[in-house]
Amino acid sequence: MEGRIELNDFYNDGFGWICKPCERELKSQQNAAEKETSRLMREGEAESIQPRFSNLALAKWTDITNRTLMCPRCGIIEPIDKF
């Protein structure tokens, strides 16, 4: 049975690797934006001309061997191999 991989700047939510610092920042911005605008202005049609990812802090692999993660938003890089 394979153990869970613990990283400093990323965690896996089952869907993909998430950048912890970006997620914290985006959540605080989202909370501030929700306080500024009414619910009527935030919610609307699901379809949009400019589609957005549901999680902007989703990391990507920097190499073909899937051993190094990078956050495209902030640029943090962290290797998976921690032996």
C-alpha atoms as a PDB file:
ATOM      1  CA  MET A   1       0.000   0.000   0.000  1.00  0.00           C
ATOM      2  CA  GLU A   2       1.439   3.337  -1.051  1.00  0.00           C
ATOM      3  CA  GLY A   3       1.588   6.076   1.584  1.00  0.00           C
ATOM      4  CA  ARG A   4       0.345   9.592   1.135  1.00  0.00           C
ATOM      5  CA  ILE A   5       2.909  12.044  -0.240  1.00  0.00           C
ATOM      6  CA  GLU A   6       3.349  15.116   1.982  1.00  0.00           C
ATOM      7  CA  LEU A   7       4.680  18.270   0.347  1.00  0.00           C
ATOM      8  CA  ASN A   8       5.398  21.757   1.684  1.00  0.00           C
ATOM      9  CA  ASP A   9       3.610  23.819  -0.961  1.00  0.00           C
ATOM     10  CA  PHE A  10       1.159  21.403  -2.621  1.00  0.00           C
ATOM     11  CA  TYR A  11      -1.512  18.894  -1.623  1.00  0.00           C
ATOM     12  CA  ASN A  12      -3.568  16.450  -3.650  1.00  0.00           C
ATOM     13  CA  ASP A  13      -7.327  16.803  -3.342  1.00  0.00           C
ATOM     14  CA  GLY A  14      -8.048  13.688  -5.400  1.00  0.00           C
ATOM     15  CA  PHE A  15      -8.576  15.705  -8.570  1.00  0.00           C
ATOM     16  CA  GLY A  16      -5.114  17.227  -8.872  1.00  0.00           C
ATOM     17  CA  TRP A  17      -2.310  18.976  -7.012  1.00  0.00           C
ATOM     18  CA  ILE A  18      -3.263  22.325  -5.453  1.00  0.00           C
ATOM     19  CA  CYS A  19      -0.843  25.130  -4.548  1.00  0.00           C
ATOM     20  CA  LYS A  20      -1.413  25.909  -0.852  1.00  0.00           C
ATOM     21  CA  PRO A  21      -0.277  29.586  -0.888  1.00  0.00           C
ATOM     22  CA  CYS A  22      -2.355  30.431  -3.981  1.00  0.00           C
ATOM     23  CA  GLU A  23      -5.410  28.677  -2.609  1.00  0.00           C
ATOM     24  CA  ARG A  24      -5.219  30.700   0.626  1.00  0.00           C
ATOM     25  CA  GLU A  25      -4.827  33.939  -1.342  1.00  0.00           C
ATOM     26  CA  LEU A  26      -7.661  33.133  -3.734  1.00  0.00           C
ATOM     27  CA  LYS A  27     -10.010  32.208  -0.879  1.00  0.00           C
ATOM     28  CA  SER A  28      -9.332  35.495   0.899  1.00  0.00           C
ATOM     29  CA  GLN A  29      -9.924  37.431  -2.348  1.00  0.00           C
ATOM     30  CA  GLN A  30     -13.128  35.493  -2.969  1.00  0.00           C
ATOM     31  CA  ASN A  31     -14.400  36.229   0.537  1.00  0.00           C
ATOM     32  CA  ALA A  32     -13.677  39.942   0.072  1.00  0.00           C
ATOM     33  CA  ALA A  33     -15.395  39.998  -3.349  1.00  0.00           C
ATOM     34  CA  GLU A  34     -18.471  38.249  -1.947  1.00  0.00           C
ATOM     35  CA  LYS A  35     -18.817  40.974   0.675  1.00  0.00           C
ATOM     36  CA  GLU A  36     -18.538  43.750  -1.934  1.00  0.00           C
ATOM     37  CA  THR A  37     -21.141  42.561  -4.452  1.00  0.00           C
ATOM     38  CA  SER A  38     -24.653  41.329  -4.013  1.00  0.00           C
ATOM     39  CA  ARG A  39     -25.577  37.714  -4.622  1.00  0.00           C
ATOM     40  CA  LEU A  40     -27.594  38.795  -7.660  1.00  0.00           C
ATOM     41  CA  MET A  41     -24.437  40.109  -9.336  1.00  0.00           C
ATOM     42  CA  ARG A  42     -22.240  37.095  -8.393  1.00  0.00           C
ATOM     43  CA  GLU A  43     -24.583  34.358  -9.536  1.00  0.00           C
ATOM     44  CA  GLY A  44     -25.923  34.031 -13.021  1.00  0.00           C
ATOM     45  CA  GLU A  45     -25.785  31.824 -16.052  1.00  0.00           C
ATOM     46  CA  ALA A  46     -23.366  28.910 -15.855  1.00  0.00           C
ATOM     47  CA  GLU A  47     -22.106  29.364 -19.398  1.00  0.00           C
ATOM     48  CA  SER A  48     -19.661  32.104 -20.194  1.00  0.00           C
ATOM     49  CA  ILE A  49     -17.831  33.470 -23.206  1.00  0.00           C
ATOM     50  CA  GLN A  50     -14.599  33.343 -21.174  1.00  0.00           C
ATOM     51  CA  PRO A  51     -14.502  29.978 -19.365  1.00  0.00           C
ATOM     52  CA  ARG A  52     -12.556  29.794 -16.081  1.00  0.00           C
ATOM     53  CA  PHE A  53     -11.068  26.876 -14.173  1.00  0.00           C
ATOM     54  CA  SER A  54     -12.937  26.151 -10.982  1.00  0.00           C
ATOM     55  CA  ASN A  55      -9.603  26.136  -9.146  1.00  0.00           C
ATOM     56  CA  LEU A  56      -6.983  28.626 -10.326  1.00  0.00           C
ATOM     57  CA  ALA A  57      -4.392  27.155  -7.933  1.00  0.00           C
ATOM     58  CA  LEU A  58      -4.180  23.829  -9.811  1.00  0.00           C
ATOM     59  CA  ALA A  59      -0.529  22.825 -10.332  1.00  0.00           C
ATOM     60  CA  LYS A  60       0.997  21.166 -13.372  1.00  0.00           C
ATOM     61  CA  TRP A  61       3.913  18.824 -13.967  1.00  0.00           C
ATOM     62  CA  THR A  62       7.146  20.402 -15.234  1.00  0.00           C
ATOM     63  CA  ASP A  63       8.614  17.175 -16.611  1.00  0.00           C
ATOM     64  CA  ILE A  64       7.452  14.075 -18.447  1.00  0.00           C
ATOM     65  CA  THR A  65       8.389  11.801 -15.502  1.00  0.00           C
ATOM     66  CA  ASN A  66       5.886  13.577 -13.192  1.00  0.00           C
ATOM     67  CA  ARG A  67       8.443  14.238 -10.468  1.00  0.00           C
ATOM     68  CA  THR A  68       8.287  18.032 -10.204  1.00  0.00           C
ATOM     69  CA  LEU A  69       5.219  20.218  -9.670  1.00  0.00           C
ATOM     70  CA  MET A  70       4.858  23.878 -10.604  1.00  0.00           C
ATOM     71  CA  CYS A  71       2.114  26.372  -9.892  1.00  0.00           C
ATOM     72  CA  PRO A  72       1.448  28.348 -13.089  1.00  0.00           C
ATOM     73  CA  ARG A  73      -0.020  31.202 -11.036  1.00  0.00           C
ATOM     74  CA  CYS A  74       2.842  31.945  -8.616  1.00  0.00           C
ATOM     75  CA  GLY A  75       5.709  29.862 -10.038  1.00  0.00           C
ATOM     76  CA  ILE A  76       6.493  27.756  -6.954  1.00  0.00           C
ATOM     77  CA  ILE A  77       8.335  24.560  -7.924  1.00  0.00           C
ATOM     78  CA  GLU A  78       8.620  21.499  -5.688  1.00  0.00           C
ATOM     79  CA  PRO A  79      10.017  18.028  -6.419  1.00  0.00           C
ATOM     80  CA  ILE A  80       7.917  14.996  -5.467  1.00  0.00           C
ATOM     81  CA  ASP A  81      10.944  12.774  -4.799  1.00  0.00           C
ATOM     82  CA  LYS A  82      11.833  13.318  -1.161  1.00  0.00           C
ATOM     83  CA  PHE A  83      13.966  10.304  -0.289  1.00  0.00           C
END
